[in-house]
Amino acid sequence: MKVDFTKLRRAFNPQCIAVGGDKLDHNFLWLHTLSTFRGKLYSVQIDPKVIEKIKTLGVENYTSLLDILEPIELVVVAVPGVVAPKILEDYLQKRVADQEENQ
């Protein structure tokens, strides 16, 4: 089986990451984990109480992945299962990590 390592490069060395659904009650685990990330980091969260706390971390928040203007190479999703299909739909529509779109 032939492996396309260029696609793995984006997964291991992304320039732009979006974290969807990270929650205050989990102390923003993913956003804190990515605090040393040198690229562009966005949050995707719809809860207004949580959005204000995210802003204090210095992370720009959007209520939809589709509202982020630049290409996204990696999305970390931390949402309940019932929300996951909507996130996946937005992921596909946004064309996350689409090599031709993101070059």
PDB file of N, CA and C in Angstrom:
ATOM      1  N   MET A   1       0.835  -1.178   0.000  1.00  0.00           N
ATOM      2  CA  MET A   1       0.000   0.000   0.000  1.00  0.00           C
ATOM      3  C   MET A   1       0.886   1.249   0.000  1.00  0.00           C
ATOM      4  N   LYS A   2       0.606   2.168  -0.910  1.00  0.00           N
ATOM      5  CA  LYS A   2       1.377   3.400  -1.002  1.00  0.00           C
ATOM      6  C   LYS A   2       0.766   4.458  -0.069  1.00  0.00           C
ATOM      7  N   VAL A   3       1.618   5.107   0.716  1.00  0.00           N
ATOM      8  CA  VAL A   3       1.170   6.124   1.668  1.00  0.00           C
ATOM      9  C   VAL A   3       1.554   7.507   1.148  1.00  0.00           C
ATOM     10  N   ASP A   4       0.597   8.426   1.178  1.00  0.00           N
ATOM     11  CA  ASP A   4       0.861   9.809   0.789  1.00  0.00           C
ATOM     12  C   ASP A   4       1.258  10.585   2.049  1.00  0.00           C
ATOM     13  N   PHE A   5       2.556  10.724   2.285  1.00  0.00           N
ATOM     14  CA  PHE A   5       3.059  11.363   3.491  1.00  0.00           C
ATOM     15  C   PHE A   5       2.788  12.870   3.532  1.00  0.00           C
ATOM     16  N   THR A   6       2.461  13.478   2.396  1.00  0.00           N
ATOM     17  CA  THR A   6       2.134  14.908   2.417  1.00  0.00           C
ATOM     18  C   THR A   6       0.866  15.156   3.217  1.00  0.00           C
ATOM     19  N   LYS A   7      -0.051  14.214   3.200  1.00  0.00           N
ATOM     20  CA  LYS A   7      -1.278  14.360   3.991  1.00  0.00           C
ATOM     21  C   LYS A   7      -0.989  14.205   5.481  1.00  0.00           C
ATOM     22  N   LEU A   8      -0.042  13.380   5.833  1.00  0.00           N
ATOM     23  CA  LEU A   8       0.347  13.232   7.232  1.00  0.00           C
ATOM     24  C   LEU A   8       1.071  14.479   7.727  1.00  0.00           C
ATOM     25  N   ARG A   9       1.805  15.143   6.845  1.00  0.00           N
ATOM     26  CA  ARG A   9       2.500  16.370   7.226  1.00  0.00           C
ATOM     27  C   ARG A   9       1.513  17.392   7.778  1.00  0.00           C
ATOM     28  N   ARG A  10       0.376  17.541   7.120  1.00  0.00           N
ATOM     29  CA  ARG A  10      -0.632  18.494   7.593  1.00  0.00           C
ATOM     30  C   ARG A  10      -1.157  18.106   8.961  1.00  0.00           C
ATOM     31  N   ALA A  11      -1.297  16.822   9.214  1.00  0.00           N
ATOM     32  CA  ALA A  11      -1.815  16.369  10.509  1.00  0.00           C
ATOM     33  C   ALA A  11      -0.807  16.600  11.630  1.00  0.00           C
ATOM     34  N   PHE A  12       0.479  16.410  11.336  1.00  0.00           N
ATOM     35  CA  PHE A  12       1.503  16.543  12.367  1.00  0.00           C
ATOM     36  C   PHE A  12       2.139  17.923  12.428  1.00  0.00           C
ATOM     37  N   ASN A  13       1.972  18.721  11.386  1.00  0.00           N
ATOM     38  CA  ASN A  13       2.556  20.065  11.343  1.00  0.00           C
ATOM     39  C   ASN A  13       1.565  21.079  10.780  1.00  0.00           C
ATOM     40  N   PRO A  14       0.373  21.154  11.350  1.00  0.00           N
ATOM     41  CA  PRO A  14      -0.613  22.089  10.803  1.00  0.00           C
ATOM     42  C   PRO A  14      -0.208  23.531  11.074  1.00  0.00           C
ATOM     43  N   GLN A  15      -0.669  24.418  10.224  1.00  0.00           N
ATOM     44  CA  GLN A  15      -0.433  25.848  10.410  1.00  0.00           C
ATOM     45  C   GLN A  15      -1.644  26.528  11.048  1.00  0.00           C
ATOM     46  N   CYS A  16      -2.808  25.877  10.947  1.00  0.00           N
ATOM     47  CA  CYS A  16      -4.041  26.471  11.452  1.00  0.00           C
ATOM     48  C   CYS A  16      -4.937  25.363  12.019  1.00  0.00           C
ATOM     49  N   ILE A  17      -5.302  25.509  13.295  1.00  0.00           N
ATOM     50  CA  ILE A  17      -6.113  24.501  13.985  1.00  0.00           C
ATOM     51  C   ILE A  17      -7.360  25.165  14.549  1.00  0.00           C
ATOM     52  N   ALA A  18      -8.471  24.452  14.482  1.00  0.00           N
ATOM     53  CA  ALA A  18      -9.705  24.876  15.145  1.00  0.00           C
ATOM     54  C   ALA A  18     -10.070  23.811  16.178  1.00  0.00           C
ATOM     55  N   VAL A  19     -10.443  24.273  17.368  1.00  0.00           N
ATOM     56  CA  VAL A  19     -10.889  23.367  18.429  1.00  0.00           C
ATOM     57  C   VAL A  19     -12.378  23.596  18.611  1.00  0.00           C
ATOM     58  N   GLY A  20     -13.149  22.562  18.377  1.00  0.00           N
ATOM     59  CA  GLY A  20     -14.602  22.682  18.470  1.00  0.00           C
ATOM     60  C   GLY A  20     -15.152  22.061  19.736  1.00  0.00           C
ATOM     61  N   GLY A  21     -15.843  22.871  20.534  1.00  0.00           N
ATOM     62  CA  GLY A  21     -16.584  22.363  21.681  1.00  0.00           C
ATOM     63  C   GLY A  21     -15.822  22.213  22.975  1.00  0.00           C
ATOM     64  N   ASP A  22     -14.609  22.698  23.072  1.00  0.00           N
ATOM     65  CA  ASP A  22     -13.863  22.616  24.341  1.00  0.00           C
ATOM     66  C   ASP A  22     -14.678  23.317  25.427  1.00  0.00           C
ATOM     67  N   LYS A  23     -14.760  22.734  26.614  1.00  0.00           N
ATOM     68  CA  LYS A  23     -15.657  23.256  27.645  1.00  0.00           C
ATOM     69  C   LYS A  23     -14.926  23.740  28.890  1.00  0.00           C
ATOM     70  N   LEU A  24     -15.541  24.714  29.517  1.00  0.00           N
ATOM     71  CA  LEU A  24     -15.031  25.289  30.759  1.00  0.00           C
ATOM     72  C   LEU A  24     -14.931  24.233  31.856  1.00  0.00           C
ATOM     73  N   ASP A  25     -15.942  23.354  31.968  1.00  0.00           N
ATOM     74  CA  ASP A  25     -15.920  22.351  33.037  1.00  0.00           C
ATOM     75  C   ASP A  25     -14.802  21.324  32.863  1.00  0.00           C
ATOM     76  N   HIS A  26     -14.188  21.286  31.709  1.00  0.00           N
ATOM     77  CA  HIS A  26     -12.999  20.455  31.487  1.00  0.00           C
ATOM     78  C   HIS A  26     -11.749  21.327  31.453  1.00  0.00           C
ATOM     79  N   ASN A  27     -11.898  22.576  31.917  1.00  0.00           N
ATOM     80  CA  ASN A  27     -10.794  23.543  31.983  1.00  0.00           C
ATOM     81  C   ASN A  27     -10.135  23.758  30.618  1.00  0.00           C
ATOM     82  N   PHE A  28     -10.950  23.726  29.572  1.00  0.00           N
ATOM     83  CA  PHE A  28     -10.458  23.957  28.210  1.00  0.00           C
ATOM     84  C   PHE A  28      -9.229  23.103  27.910  1.00  0.00           C
ATOM     85  N   LEU A  29      -9.357  21.825  28.138  1.00  0.00           N
ATOM     86  CA  LEU A  29      -8.251  20.878  27.984  1.00  0.00           C
ATOM     87  C   LEU A  29      -7.514  21.038  26.655  1.00  0.00           C
ATOM     88  N   TRP A  30      -8.257  21.049  25.546  1.00  0.00           N
ATOM     89  CA  TRP A  30      -7.590  21.112  24.236  1.00  0.00           C
ATOM     90  C   TRP A  30      -6.951  22.461  23.982  1.00  0.00           C
ATOM     91  N   LEU A  31      -7.634  23.535  24.366  1.00  0.00           N
ATOM     92  CA  LEU A  31      -7.044  24.860  24.156  1.00  0.00           C
ATOM     93  C   LEU A  31      -5.780  25.040  24.988  1.00  0.00           C
ATOM     94  N   HIS A  32      -5.780  24.513  26.207  1.00  0.00           N
ATOM     95  CA  HIS A  32      -4.568  24.580  27.028  1.00  0.00           C
ATOM     96  C   HIS A  32      -3.462  23.689  26.460  1.00  0.00           C
ATOM     97  N   THR A  33      -3.826  22.509  25.976  1.00  0.00           N
ATOM     98  CA  THR A  33      -2.844  21.603  25.381  1.00  0.00           C
ATOM     99  C   THR A  33      -2.160  22.254  24.187  1.00  0.00           C
ATOM    100  N   LEU A  34      -2.910  23.056  23.444  1.00  0.00           N
ATOM    101  CA  LEU A  34      -2.372  23.705  22.245  1.00  0.00           C
ATOM    102  C   LEU A  34      -1.805  25.102  22.521  1.00  0.00           C
ATOM    103  N   SER A  35      -1.616  25.449  23.785  1.00  0.00           N
ATOM    104  CA  SER A  35      -1.163  26.801  24.128  1.00  0.00           C
ATOM    105  C   SER A  35       0.233  27.123  23.588  1.00  0.00           C
ATOM    106  N   THR A  36       1.046  26.126  23.311  1.00  0.00           N
ATOM    107  CA  THR A  36       2.383  26.370  22.759  1.00  0.00           C
ATOM    108  C   THR A  36       2.412  26.257  21.231  1.00  0.00           C
ATOM    109  N   PHE A  37       1.257  25.979  20.640  1.00  0.00           N
ATOM    110  CA  PHE A  37       1.156  25.875  19.188  1.00  0.00           C
ATOM    111  C   PHE A  37       1.544  27.207  18.555  1.00  0.00           C
ATOM    112  N   ARG A  38       2.403  27.193  17.572  1.00  0.00           N
ATOM    113  CA  ARG A  38       2.936  28.411  16.971  1.00  0.00           C
ATOM    114  C   ARG A  38       2.100  28.932  15.792  1.00  0.00           C
ATOM    115  N   GLY A  39       1.171  28.131  15.313  1.00  0.00           N
ATOM    116  CA  GLY A  39       0.335  28.558  14.197  1.00  0.00           C
ATOM    117  C   GLY A  39      -0.897  29.303  14.687  1.00  0.00           C
ATOM    118  N   LYS A  40      -1.881  29.418  13.829  1.00  0.00           N
ATOM    119  CA  LYS A  40      -3.124  30.094  14.155  1.00  0.00           C
ATOM    120  C   LYS A  40      -4.067  29.103  14.837  1.00  0.00           C
ATOM    121  N   LEU A  41      -4.641  29.517  15.970  1.00  0.00           N
ATOM    122  CA  LEU A  41      -5.532  28.665  16.743  1.00  0.00           C
ATOM    123  C   LEU A  41      -6.871  29.368  16.913  1.00  0.00           C
ATOM    124  N   TYR A  42      -7.945  28.662  16.596  1.00  0.00           N
ATOM    125  CA  TYR A  42      -9.300  29.180  16.748  1.00  0.00           C
ATOM    126  C   TYR A  42     -10.107  28.243  17.632  1.00  0.00           C
ATOM    127  N   SER A  43     -11.111  28.812  18.267  1.00  0.00           N
ATOM    128  CA  SER A  43     -12.090  28.032  19.017  1.00  0.00           C
ATOM    129  C   SER A  43     -13.415  28.117  18.283  1.00  0.00           C
ATOM    130  N   VAL A  44     -14.176  27.031  18.317  1.00  0.00           N
ATOM    131  CA  VAL A  44     -15.534  27.032  17.780  1.00  0.00           C
ATOM    132  C   VAL A  44     -16.441  26.589  18.920  1.00  0.00           C
ATOM    133  N   GLN A  45     -17.178  27.558  19.450  1.00  0.00           N
ATOM    134  CA  GLN A  45     -18.016  27.318  20.631  1.00  0.00           C
ATOM    135  C   GLN A  45     -19.266  28.180  20.512  1.00  0.00           C
ATOM    136  N   ILE A  46     -20.415  27.622  20.898  1.00  0.00           N
ATOM    137  CA  ILE A  46     -21.661  28.382  20.782  1.00  0.00           C
ATOM    138  C   ILE A  46     -22.202  28.883  22.116  1.00  0.00           C
ATOM    139  N   ASP A  47     -21.710  28.372  23.225  1.00  0.00           N
ATOM    140  CA  ASP A  47     -22.201  28.761  24.546  1.00  0.00           C
ATOM    141  C   ASP A  47     -21.646  30.133  24.931  1.00  0.00           C
ATOM    142  N   PRO A  48     -22.497  31.166  25.047  1.00  0.00           N
ATOM    143  CA  PRO A  48     -22.008  32.520  25.338  1.00  0.00           C
ATOM    144  C   PRO A  48     -21.192  32.617  26.628  1.00  0.00           C
ATOM    145  N   LYS A  49     -21.553  31.849  27.658  1.00  0.00           N
ATOM    146  CA  LYS A  49     -20.790  31.889  28.916  1.00  0.00           C
ATOM    147  C   LYS A  49     -19.372  31.374  28.711  1.00  0.00           C
ATOM    148  N   VAL A  50     -19.245  30.372  27.900  1.00  0.00           N
ATOM    149  CA  VAL A  50     -17.941  29.764  27.638  1.00  0.00           C
ATOM    150  C   VAL A  50     -17.112  30.650  26.709  1.00  0.00           C
ATOM    151  N   ILE A  51     -17.766  31.308  25.749  1.00  0.00           N
ATOM    152  CA  ILE A  51     -17.059  32.164  24.793  1.00  0.00           C
ATOM    153  C   ILE A  51     -16.280  33.261  25.515  1.00  0.00           C
ATOM    154  N   GLU A  52     -16.872  33.870  26.506  1.00  0.00           N
ATOM    155  CA  GLU A  52     -16.187  34.932  27.250  1.00  0.00           C
ATOM    156  C   GLU A  52     -14.926  34.407  27.932  1.00  0.00           C
ATOM    157  N   LYS A  53     -14.997  33.222  28.489  1.00  0.00           N
ATOM    158  CA  LYS A  53     -13.814  32.622  29.141  1.00  0.00           C
ATOM    159  C   LYS A  53     -12.732  32.284  28.116  1.00  0.00           C
ATOM    160  N   ILE A  54     -13.150  31.835  26.945  1.00  0.00           N
ATOM    161  CA  ILE A  54     -12.195  31.510  25.885  1.00  0.00           C
ATOM    162  C   ILE A  54     -11.444  32.769  25.458  1.00  0.00           C
ATOM    163  N   LYS A  55     -12.163  33.873  25.352  1.00  0.00           N
ATOM    164  CA  LYS A  55     -11.528  35.142  24.970  1.00  0.00           C
ATOM    165  C   LYS A  55     -10.437  35.538  25.965  1.00  0.00           C
ATOM    166  N   THR A  56     -10.617  35.208  27.243  1.00  0.00           N
ATOM    167  CA  THR A  56      -9.589  35.540  28.240  1.00  0.00           C
ATOM    168  C   THR A  56      -8.316  34.729  28.024  1.00  0.00           C
ATOM    169  N   LEU A  57      -8.429  33.607  27.305  1.00  0.00           N
ATOM    170  CA  LEU A  57      -7.250  32.804  26.969  1.00  0.00           C
ATOM    171  C   LEU A  57      -6.496  33.384  25.769  1.00  0.00           C
ATOM    172  N   GLY A  58      -7.086  34.397  25.135  1.00  0.00           N
ATOM    173  CA  GLY A  58      -6.462  34.998  23.961  1.00  0.00           C
ATOM    174  C   GLY A  58      -6.719  34.225  22.683  1.00  0.00           C
ATOM    175  N   VAL A  59      -7.753  33.394  22.687  1.00  0.00           N
ATOM    176  CA  VAL A  59      -8.098  32.585  21.520  1.00  0.00           C
ATOM    177  C   VAL A  59      -9.354  33.166  20.882  1.00  0.00           C
ATOM    178  N   GLU A  60      -9.288  33.385  19.586  1.00  0.00           N
ATOM    179  CA  GLU A  60     -10.434  33.914  18.855  1.00  0.00           C
ATOM    180  C   GLU A  60     -11.485  32.820  18.716  1.00  0.00           C
ATOM    181  N   ASN A  61     -12.751  33.155  19.014  1.00  0.00           N
ATOM    182  CA  ASN A  61     -13.835  32.180  18.951  1.00  0.00           C
ATOM    183  C   ASN A  61     -14.807  32.515  17.827  1.00  0.00           C
ATOM    184  N   TYR A  62     -15.302  31.458  17.197  1.00  0.00           N
ATOM    185  CA  TYR A  62     -16.360  31.570  16.197  1.00  0.00           C
ATOM    186  C   TYR A  62     -17.474  30.621  16.608  1.00  0.00           C
ATOM    187  N   THR A  63     -18.693  30.927  16.198  1.00  0.00           N
ATOM    188  CA  THR A  63     -19.808  30.040  16.523  1.00  0.00           C
ATOM    189  C   THR A  63     -20.017  28.976  15.447  1.00  0.00           C
ATOM    190  N   SER A  64     -19.269  29.060  14.367  1.00  0.00           N
ATOM    191  CA  SER A  64     -19.319  28.044  13.317  1.00  0.00           C
ATOM    192  C   SER A  64     -17.945  27.921  12.672  1.00  0.00           C
ATOM    193  N   LEU A  65     -17.564  26.725  12.360  1.00  0.00           N
ATOM    194  CA  LEU A  65     -16.310  26.470  11.646  1.00  0.00           C
ATOM    195  C   LEU A  65     -16.313  27.193  10.301  1.00  0.00           C
ATOM    196  N   LEU A  66     -17.493  27.312   9.706  1.00  0.00           N
ATOM    197  CA  LEU A  66     -17.611  27.945   8.393  1.00  0.00           C
ATOM    198  C   LEU A  66     -17.336  29.442   8.424  1.00  0.00           C
ATOM    199  N   ASP A  67     -17.403  30.059   9.592  1.00  0.00           N
ATOM    200  CA  ASP A  67     -17.152  31.495   9.716  1.00  0.00           C
ATOM    201  C   ASP A  67     -15.669  31.846   9.743  1.00  0.00           C
ATOM    202  N   ILE A  68     -14.815  30.868   9.946  1.00  0.00           N
ATOM    203  CA  ILE A  68     -13.366  31.110   9.955  1.00  0.00           C
ATOM    204  C   ILE A  68     -12.934  31.308   8.507  1.00  0.00           C
ATOM    205  N   LEU A  69     -12.361  32.448   8.218  1.00  0.00           N
ATOM    206  CA  LEU A  69     -12.069  32.813   6.831  1.00  0.00           C
ATOM    207  C   LEU A  69     -10.900  32.052   6.216  1.00  0.00           C
ATOM    208  N   GLU A  70      -9.887  31.759   7.001  1.00  0.00           N
ATOM    209  CA  GLU A  70      -8.716  31.112   6.413  1.00  0.00           C
ATOM    210  C   GLU A  70      -8.862  29.589   6.398  1.00  0.00           C
ATOM    211  N   PRO A  71      -8.066  28.917   5.566  1.00  0.00           N
ATOM    212  CA  PRO A  71      -8.110  27.451   5.509  1.00  0.00           C
ATOM    213  C   PRO A  71      -7.682  26.833   6.841  1.00  0.00           C
ATOM    214  N   ILE A  72      -8.368  25.795   7.238  1.00  0.00           N
ATOM    215  CA  ILE A  72      -8.079  25.062   8.472  1.00  0.00           C
ATOM    216  C   ILE A  72      -7.476  23.721   8.069  1.00  0.00           C
ATOM    217  N   GLU A  73      -6.383  23.355   8.712  1.00  0.00           N
ATOM    218  CA  GLU A  73      -5.716  22.096   8.378  1.00  0.00           C
ATOM    219  C   GLU A  73      -6.066  20.960   9.327  1.00  0.00           C
ATOM    220  N   LEU A  74      -6.480  21.319  10.553  1.00  0.00           N
ATOM    221  CA  LEU A  74      -6.778  20.288  11.544  1.00  0.00           C
ATOM    222  C   LEU A  74      -7.884  20.802  12.464  1.00  0.00           C
ATOM    223  N   VAL A  75      -8.846  19.940  12.758  1.00  0.00           N
ATOM    224  CA  VAL A  75      -9.910  20.285  13.691  1.00  0.00           C
ATOM    225  C   VAL A  75      -9.899  19.261  14.817  1.00  0.00           C
ATOM    226  N   VAL A  76      -9.866  19.761  16.047  1.00  0.00           N
ATOM    227  CA  VAL A  76      -9.985  18.914  17.227  1.00  0.00           C
ATOM    228  C   VAL A  76     -11.424  19.073  17.700  1.00  0.00           C
ATOM    229  N   VAL A  77     -12.151  17.974  17.774  1.00  0.00           N
ATOM    230  CA  VAL A  77     -13.569  18.034  18.123  1.00  0.00           C
ATOM    231  C   VAL A  77     -13.791  17.394  19.485  1.00  0.00           C
ATOM    232  N   ALA A  78     -14.405  18.181  20.387  1.00  0.00           N
ATOM    233  CA  ALA A  78     -14.714  17.702  21.736  1.00  0.00           C
ATOM    234  C   ALA A  78     -16.166  18.047  22.035  1.00  0.00           C
ATOM    235  N   VAL A  79     -17.072  17.379  21.326  1.00  0.00           N
ATOM    236  CA  VAL A  79     -18.501  17.666  21.455  1.00  0.00           C
ATOM    237  C   VAL A  79     -19.274  16.395  21.775  1.00  0.00           C
ATOM    238  N   PRO A  80     -20.484  16.547  22.328  1.00  0.00           N
ATOM    239  CA  PRO A  80     -21.326  15.372  22.533  1.00  0.00           C
ATOM    240  C   PRO A  80     -21.674  14.719  21.193  1.00  0.00           C
ATOM    241  N   GLY A  81     -21.914  13.441  21.224  1.00  0.00           N
ATOM    242  CA  GLY A  81     -22.206  12.677  20.008  1.00  0.00           C
ATOM    243  C   GLY A  81     -23.339  13.230  19.168  1.00  0.00           C
ATOM    244  N   VAL A  82     -24.355  13.806  19.801  1.00  0.00           N
ATOM    245  CA  VAL A  82     -25.500  14.317  19.047  1.00  0.00           C
ATOM    246  C   VAL A  82     -25.129  15.533  18.199  1.00  0.00           C
ATOM    247  N   VAL A  83     -24.063  16.232  18.562  1.00  0.00           N
ATOM    248  CA  VAL A  83     -23.620  17.423  17.831  1.00  0.00           C
ATOM    249  C   VAL A  83     -22.605  17.057  16.738  1.00  0.00           C
ATOM    250  N   ALA A  84     -21.969  15.927  16.882  1.00  0.00           N
ATOM    251  CA  ALA A  84     -20.890  15.525  15.970  1.00  0.00           C
ATOM    252  C   ALA A  84     -21.287  15.532  14.489  1.00  0.00           C
ATOM    253  N   PRO A  85     -22.478  15.064  14.101  1.00  0.00           N
ATOM    254  CA  PRO A  85     -22.819  15.102  12.668  1.00  0.00           C
ATOM    255  C   PRO A  85     -22.810  16.519  12.085  1.00  0.00           C
ATOM    256  N   LYS A  86     -23.261  17.513  12.840  1.00  0.00           N
ATOM    257  CA  LYS A  86     -23.249  18.901  12.365  1.00  0.00           C
ATOM    258  C   LYS A  86     -21.807  19.385  12.194  1.00  0.00           C
ATOM    259  N   ILE A  87     -20.948  19.041  13.149  1.00  0.00           N
ATOM    260  CA  ILE A  87     -19.534  19.429  13.054  1.00  0.00           C
ATOM    261  C   ILE A  87     -18.906  18.787  11.824  1.00  0.00           C
ATOM    262  N   LEU A  88     -19.193  17.509  11.602  1.00  0.00           N
ATOM    263  CA  LEU A  88     -18.646  16.808  10.443  1.00  0.00           C
ATOM    264  C   LEU A  88     -19.160  17.434   9.140  1.00  0.00           C
ATOM    265  N   GLU A  89     -20.420  17.804   9.111  1.00  0.00           N
ATOM    266  CA  GLU A  89     -20.991  18.462   7.933  1.00  0.00           C
ATOM    267  C   GLU A  89     -20.251  19.777   7.649  1.00  0.00           C
ATOM    268  N   ASP A  90     -20.028  20.582   8.695  1.00  0.00           N
ATOM    269  CA  ASP A  90     -19.289  21.834   8.536  1.00  0.00           C
ATOM    270  C   ASP A  90     -17.845  21.568   8.101  1.00  0.00           C
ATOM    271  N   TYR A  91     -17.241  20.539   8.662  1.00  0.00           N
ATOM    272  CA  TYR A  91     -15.872  20.135   8.331  1.00  0.00           C
ATOM    273  C   TYR A  91     -15.768  19.856   6.832  1.00  0.00           C
ATOM    274  N   LEU A  92     -16.721  19.099   6.307  1.00  0.00           N
ATOM    275  CA  LEU A  92     -16.697  18.751   4.885  1.00  0.00           C
ATOM    276  C   LEU A  92     -16.973  19.973   4.014  1.00  0.00           C
ATOM    277  N   GLN A  93     -17.934  20.789   4.430  1.00  0.00           N
ATOM    278  CA  GLN A  93     -18.254  21.987   3.661  1.00  0.00           C
ATOM    279  C   GLN A  93     -17.092  22.981   3.658  1.00  0.00           C
ATOM    280  N   LYS A  94     -16.394  23.088   4.772  1.00  0.00           N
ATOM    281  CA  LYS A  94     -15.239  23.984   4.895  1.00  0.00           C
ATOM    282  C   LYS A  94     -14.040  23.446   4.108  1.00  0.00           C
ATOM    283  N   ARG A  95     -14.082  22.169   3.791  1.00  0.00           N
ATOM    284  CA  ARG A  95     -12.996  21.496   3.069  1.00  0.00           C
ATOM    285  C   ARG A  95     -11.706  21.520   3.884  1.00  0.00           C
ATOM    286  N   VAL A  96     -11.839  21.185   5.154  1.00  0.00           N
ATOM    287  CA  VAL A  96     -10.693  21.154   6.058  1.00  0.00           C
ATOM    288  C   VAL A  96      -9.629  20.217   5.503  1.00  0.00           C
ATOM    289  N   ALA A  97      -8.398  20.712   5.473  1.00  0.00           N
ATOM    290  CA  ALA A  97      -7.220  19.946   5.039  1.00  0.00           C
ATOM    291  C   ALA A  97      -7.287  19.533   3.572  1.00  0.00           C
ATOM    292  N   ASP A  98      -8.140  20.178   2.807  1.00  0.00           N
ATOM    293  CA  ASP A  98      -8.193  19.902   1.373  1.00  0.00           C
ATOM    294  C   ASP A  98      -6.936  20.493   0.751  1.00  0.00           C
ATOM    295  N   GLN A  99      -6.080  19.651   0.283  1.00  0.00           N
ATOM    296  CA  GLN A  99      -4.757  20.063  -0.198  1.00  0.00           C
ATOM    297  C   GLN A  99      -4.852  21.133  -1.285  1.00  0.00           C
ATOM    298  N   GLU A 100      -5.762  20.990  -2.228  1.00  0.00           N
ATOM    299  CA  GLU A 100      -5.862  21.960  -3.314  1.00  0.00           C
ATOM    300  C   GLU A 100      -6.409  23.298  -2.826  1.00  0.00           C
ATOM    301  N   GLU A 101      -7.342  23.286  -1.883  1.00  0.00           N
ATOM    302  CA  GLU A 101      -7.919  24.519  -1.349  1.00  0.00           C
ATOM    303  C   GLU A 101      -6.943  25.250  -0.449  1.00  0.00           C
ATOM    304  N   ASN A 102      -6.106  24.532   0.279  1.00  0.00           N
ATOM    305  CA  ASN A 102      -5.284  25.117   1.319  1.00  0.00           C
ATOM    306  C   ASN A 102      -3.865  25.431   0.898  1.00  0.00           C
ATOM    307  N   GLN A 103      -3.581  25.449  -0.371  1.00  0.00           N
ATOM    308  CA  GLN A 103      -2.214  25.777  -0.804  1.00  0.00           C
ATOM    309  C   GLN A 103      -2.130  27.209  -1.251  1.00  0.00           C
TER     310      GLN A 103
END
